[in-house]
Amino acid sequence: MTEFLQSFFTDRLSETCFNQPWKPLSRPAVAAWLIFYLAFLAYAFNAHGGYLFIDSANLVVHEGGHNLFAWFGPTLCLWGGTILQWMVPFLLAAYFFSQRQVAGFVFSLFFFFENWLYTATYMADARAQILPLVTTGDPDFVEHDFFRIFTSLGVLNHDTQIAAVVRTLGWLGMIGCVAWLALRVRAKDTQNATPATFPEPTISLIERYPGKPRVRTPDIGPAKTERASAPTAPNPE
């Protein structure tokens, strides 16, 4: 039963996603998106790990994750902020991927990886706890998420190293999204340059119409240059 379900969903996913072409995106639209992403990368690089304007939305989702996962116990409540913060853009990217929409897929995946920068800044502050903390509950009982998480995992002394790895992966992910989008232009040009080919019919016309007799065209030899002599009238006696 498990193998049947796995095969069924794999086939369905293959039919609906991987075998379908991406929806076209015009060259001016791709150029505009590339300018936007390159400008954002420059803006994020100049911030040197500081607070970005998009992080205001990340913060709202993060706090909402604590409230949502609080229904499942204190452990998931603690992890829930980061889980939901990463889950929202990832699920959006998965949706746009299933719809084969290039712009929405790249946008969602790009900011999925941008969330890693935000999380890395929070991780690196686990021991120092310099960053201002925000909570939707009682401010007298606010706690640093990653101080508790890293303490429970026994890796508190490695908070900055872990944050550096997460930040690097976030940068690589964002750059990879931009590079993939740029390659879509080249892929589109290659597709347009490829001549269209028509598949050979699998069934011949004779097999398709069995009731009709096959007419063989006689071979035509070289044209004769001699003209048949016309019948001559009998000589009068």
Protein backbone atom coordinates (compact mmCIF):
# COMPACT_ATOMS: atom_id res chain seq x y z
CA MET A 1 0.00 0.00 0.00
CA THR A 2 2.84 2.36 0.88
CA GLU A 3 4.59 1.67 -2.42
CA PHE A 4 1.36 2.29 -4.32
CA LEU A 5 0.79 5.66 -2.64
CA GLN A 6 4.40 6.68 -3.16
CA SER A 7 4.24 5.72 -6.83
CA PHE A 8 0.89 7.47 -7.27
CA PHE A 9 2.00 10.80 -5.79
CA THR A 10 5.37 10.64 -7.57
CA ASP A 11 3.65 10.13 -10.92
CA ARG A 12 1.16 12.89 -10.23
CA LEU A 13 3.90 15.31 -9.19
CA SER A 14 5.89 14.41 -12.29
CA GLU A 15 2.89 14.99 -14.54
CA THR A 16 1.88 18.31 -12.99
CA CYS A 17 5.27 19.91 -12.26
CA PHE A 18 8.51 18.57 -13.59
CA ASN A 19 7.33 17.75 -17.11
CA GLN A 20 5.54 21.06 -17.63
CA PRO A 21 7.39 24.02 -19.18
CA TRP A 22 7.86 27.24 -17.26
CA LYS A 23 5.44 30.01 -18.16
CA PRO A 24 7.12 32.60 -20.37
CA LEU A 25 8.55 35.78 -18.86
CA SER A 26 9.44 38.62 -21.19
CA ARG A 27 13.01 39.85 -21.48
CA PRO A 28 12.18 43.35 -20.08
CA ALA A 29 10.50 41.74 -17.06
CA VAL A 30 13.54 39.54 -16.41
CA ALA A 31 15.82 42.58 -16.72
CA ALA A 32 13.69 44.55 -14.24
CA TRP A 33 13.72 41.69 -11.72
CA LEU A 34 17.48 41.28 -12.08
CA ILE A 35 18.01 44.99 -11.37
CA PHE A 36 15.81 44.69 -8.28
CA TYR A 37 17.65 41.66 -6.92
CA LEU A 38 21.10 43.08 -7.60
CA ALA A 39 20.11 46.33 -5.87
CA PHE A 40 18.80 44.38 -2.87
CA LEU A 41 22.00 42.31 -2.67
CA ALA A 42 24.05 45.52 -2.65
CA TYR A 43 21.77 46.99 0.01
CA ALA A 44 22.04 43.87 2.19
CA PHE A 45 25.82 43.73 1.76
CA ASN A 46 26.22 47.37 2.84
CA ALA A 47 24.08 46.70 5.93
CA HIS A 48 26.82 44.36 7.25
CA GLY A 49 24.35 42.08 9.00
CA GLY A 50 22.14 44.92 10.21
CA TYR A 51 18.37 45.19 10.17
CA LEU A 52 16.86 45.27 6.66
CA PHE A 53 13.49 46.76 5.78
CA ILE A 54 12.11 43.32 4.82
CA ASP A 55 12.96 42.08 8.30
CA SER A 56 9.95 43.96 9.68
CA ALA A 57 7.74 41.45 7.86
CA ASN A 58 9.99 38.61 8.99
CA LEU A 59 9.60 39.76 12.59
CA VAL A 60 5.80 39.72 12.38
CA VAL A 61 5.80 36.18 10.96
CA HIS A 62 8.36 35.10 13.57
CA GLU A 63 6.24 36.26 16.49
CA GLY A 64 3.16 34.74 14.92
CA GLY A 65 4.99 31.43 14.79
CA HIS A 66 5.51 31.48 18.56
CA ASN A 67 1.80 32.01 19.12
CA LEU A 68 0.80 29.36 16.57
CA PHE A 69 3.12 26.61 17.77
CA ALA A 70 2.44 27.36 21.44
CA TRP A 71 -0.54 25.02 21.05
CA PHE A 72 1.90 22.12 20.63
CA GLY A 73 3.98 22.57 23.77
CA PRO A 74 6.85 24.73 25.03
CA THR A 75 9.52 23.21 22.77
CA LEU A 76 7.68 23.89 19.53
CA CYS A 77 6.65 27.26 20.89
CA LEU A 78 10.34 28.12 21.26
CA TRP A 79 11.27 26.86 17.80
CA GLY A 80 8.01 27.97 16.19
CA GLY A 81 9.11 31.51 15.43
CA THR A 82 11.96 30.43 13.19
CA ILE A 83 9.97 27.50 11.77
CA LEU A 84 7.11 29.67 10.54
CA GLN A 85 9.47 32.43 9.45
CA TRP A 86 11.18 29.99 7.07
CA MET A 87 8.07 27.98 6.22
CA VAL A 88 6.00 30.82 4.76
CA PRO A 89 8.33 31.81 1.90
CA PHE A 90 9.27 28.17 1.29
CA LEU A 91 5.64 27.11 0.86
CA LEU A 92 5.03 30.08 -1.43
CA ALA A 93 8.04 29.04 -3.51
CA ALA A 94 6.68 25.49 -3.69
CA TYR A 95 3.30 26.79 -4.86
CA PHE A 96 4.77 28.97 -7.62
CA PHE A 97 7.01 26.08 -8.63
CA SER A 98 3.96 23.85 -9.07
CA GLN A 99 2.34 26.58 -11.18
CA ARG A 100 5.57 27.03 -13.17
CA GLN A 101 5.59 30.79 -12.55
CA VAL A 102 9.16 32.03 -12.77
CA ALA A 103 8.80 35.47 -11.13
CA GLY A 104 6.84 34.25 -8.11
CA PHE A 105 9.07 31.22 -7.59
CA VAL A 106 12.31 33.22 -7.65
CA PHE A 107 10.89 36.00 -5.45
CA SER A 108 9.68 33.58 -2.76
CA LEU A 109 12.84 31.47 -2.81
CA PHE A 110 15.07 34.56 -2.75
CA PHE A 111 13.44 35.88 0.41
CA PHE A 112 13.38 32.40 1.91
CA PHE A 113 17.16 32.56 1.86
CA GLU A 114 17.12 36.21 2.99
CA ASN A 115 15.43 34.97 6.15
CA TRP A 116 18.61 33.05 6.87
CA LEU A 117 20.51 36.34 7.19
CA TYR A 118 17.95 37.58 9.67
CA THR A 119 18.14 34.33 11.63
CA ALA A 120 21.95 34.36 11.56
CA THR A 121 22.00 37.81 13.16
CA TYR A 122 19.72 36.52 15.90
CA MET A 123 21.89 33.42 16.38
CA ALA A 124 25.11 35.40 16.69
CA ASP A 125 23.52 37.41 19.52
CA ALA A 126 22.78 34.35 21.68
CA ARG A 127 25.52 35.03 24.24
CA ALA A 128 25.90 38.80 23.90
CA GLN A 129 22.13 39.51 23.86
CA ILE A 130 22.63 43.07 22.63
CA LEU A 131 19.72 43.08 20.18
CA PRO A 132 16.39 44.46 21.43
CA LEU A 133 13.89 41.67 21.96
CA VAL A 134 10.26 41.80 20.83
CA THR A 135 7.45 39.69 22.23
CA THR A 136 3.69 39.46 21.98
CA GLY A 137 3.45 38.30 25.61
CA ASP A 138 4.54 39.72 28.92
CA PRO A 139 7.73 41.78 28.38
CA ASP A 140 8.95 40.89 31.86
CA PHE A 141 9.34 37.25 30.77
CA VAL A 142 10.87 37.78 27.34
CA GLU A 143 13.69 35.38 26.52
CA HIS A 144 16.25 35.10 23.76
CA ASP A 145 15.20 32.22 21.51
CA PHE A 146 18.63 31.05 20.50
CA PHE A 147 20.12 31.46 23.94
CA ARG A 148 17.66 28.82 25.10
CA ILE A 149 17.96 26.70 21.95
CA PHE A 150 21.75 26.65 21.87
CA THR A 151 21.92 26.09 25.62
CA SER A 152 19.62 23.09 25.38
CA LEU A 153 21.71 21.72 22.49
CA GLY A 154 25.02 22.38 24.28
CA VAL A 155 26.40 24.60 21.50
CA LEU A 156 26.03 28.04 23.04
CA ASN A 157 29.79 28.72 22.81
CA HIS A 158 29.60 28.18 19.04
CA ASP A 159 26.80 30.65 18.36
CA THR A 160 28.87 32.92 16.11
CA GLN A 161 30.29 30.01 14.10
CA ILE A 162 26.82 28.57 13.53
CA ALA A 163 25.55 32.00 12.57
CA ALA A 164 28.40 32.40 10.06
CA VAL A 165 27.50 29.12 8.34
CA VAL A 166 23.80 30.03 8.19
CA ARG A 167 24.63 33.50 6.84
CA THR A 168 26.90 32.06 4.15
CA LEU A 169 24.24 29.59 3.04
CA GLY A 170 21.73 32.43 2.89
CA TRP A 171 23.99 34.48 0.63
CA LEU A 172 24.71 31.51 -1.62
CA GLY A 173 20.99 30.79 -1.90
CA MET A 174 20.11 34.37 -2.87
CA ILE A 175 22.91 34.57 -5.43
CA GLY A 176 21.87 31.19 -6.82
CA CYS A 177 18.29 32.43 -7.32
CA VAL A 178 19.51 35.48 -9.25
CA ALA A 179 21.86 33.37 -11.38
CA TRP A 180 19.06 30.91 -12.22
CA LEU A 181 16.78 33.77 -13.26
CA ALA A 182 19.51 35.19 -15.50
CA LEU A 183 20.00 31.79 -17.13
CA ARG A 184 16.31 31.70 -18.02
CA VAL A 185 17.00 34.33 -20.71
CA ARG A 186 19.68 32.15 -22.29
CA ALA A 187 17.48 29.08 -22.07
CA LYS A 188 14.66 30.96 -23.78
CA ASP A 189 16.96 32.09 -26.60
CA THR A 190 18.19 28.54 -27.10
CA GLN A 191 14.64 27.23 -27.21
CA ASN A 192 13.63 29.83 -29.78
CA ALA A 193 16.66 29.00 -31.94
CA THR A 194 15.92 25.27 -31.99
CA PRO A 195 14.01 24.33 -35.18
CA ALA A 196 10.70 22.64 -34.69
CA THR A 197 10.63 18.94 -35.43
CA PHE A 198 7.61 16.84 -36.20
CA PRO A 199 7.42 13.28 -34.88
CA GLU A 200 7.13 10.40 -37.29
CA PRO A 201 3.68 8.79 -37.37
CA THR A 202 3.55 5.56 -35.44
CA ILE A 203 0.82 4.11 -37.70
CA SER A 204 1.13 4.14 -41.46
CA LEU A 205 -1.71 5.31 -43.66
CA ILE A 206 -2.21 1.77 -44.95
CA GLU A 207 -2.71 0.44 -41.43
CA ARG A 208 -4.90 3.40 -40.54
CA TYR A 209 -7.23 2.85 -43.53
CA PRO A 210 -7.19 -0.93 -44.08
CA GLY A 211 -10.30 -0.93 -46.29
CA LYS A 212 -8.66 0.98 -49.10
CA PRO A 213 -6.57 -1.05 -51.54
CA ARG A 214 -3.00 -0.08 -51.97
CA VAL A 215 -2.35 1.44 -55.36
CA ARG A 216 1.14 0.97 -56.65
CA THR A 217 2.40 3.71 -58.88
CA PRO A 218 4.04 2.17 -61.95
CA ASP A 219 7.59 3.04 -62.63
CA ILE A 220 7.91 5.58 -65.37
CA GLY A 221 10.84 4.96 -67.62
CA PRO A 222 12.63 7.48 -69.75
CA ALA A 223 10.39 9.30 -72.16
CA LYS A 224 10.32 7.82 -75.59
CA THR A 225 11.48 10.09 -78.35
CA GLU A 226 10.12 8.00 -81.18
CA ARG A 227 6.63 8.81 -82.30
CA ALA A 228 4.29 6.07 -83.30
CA SER A 229 3.67 6.09 -86.97
CA ALA A 230 0.20 7.10 -87.94
CA PRO A 231 -1.85 4.54 -89.86
CA THR A 232 -1.64 5.11 -93.53
CA ALA A 233 -4.57 4.98 -95.85
CA PRO A 234 -4.60 2.10 -98.36
CA ASN A 235 -3.24 2.94 -101.75
CA PRO A 236 -5.92 3.18 -104.42
CA GLU A 237 -5.69 0.58 -107.05
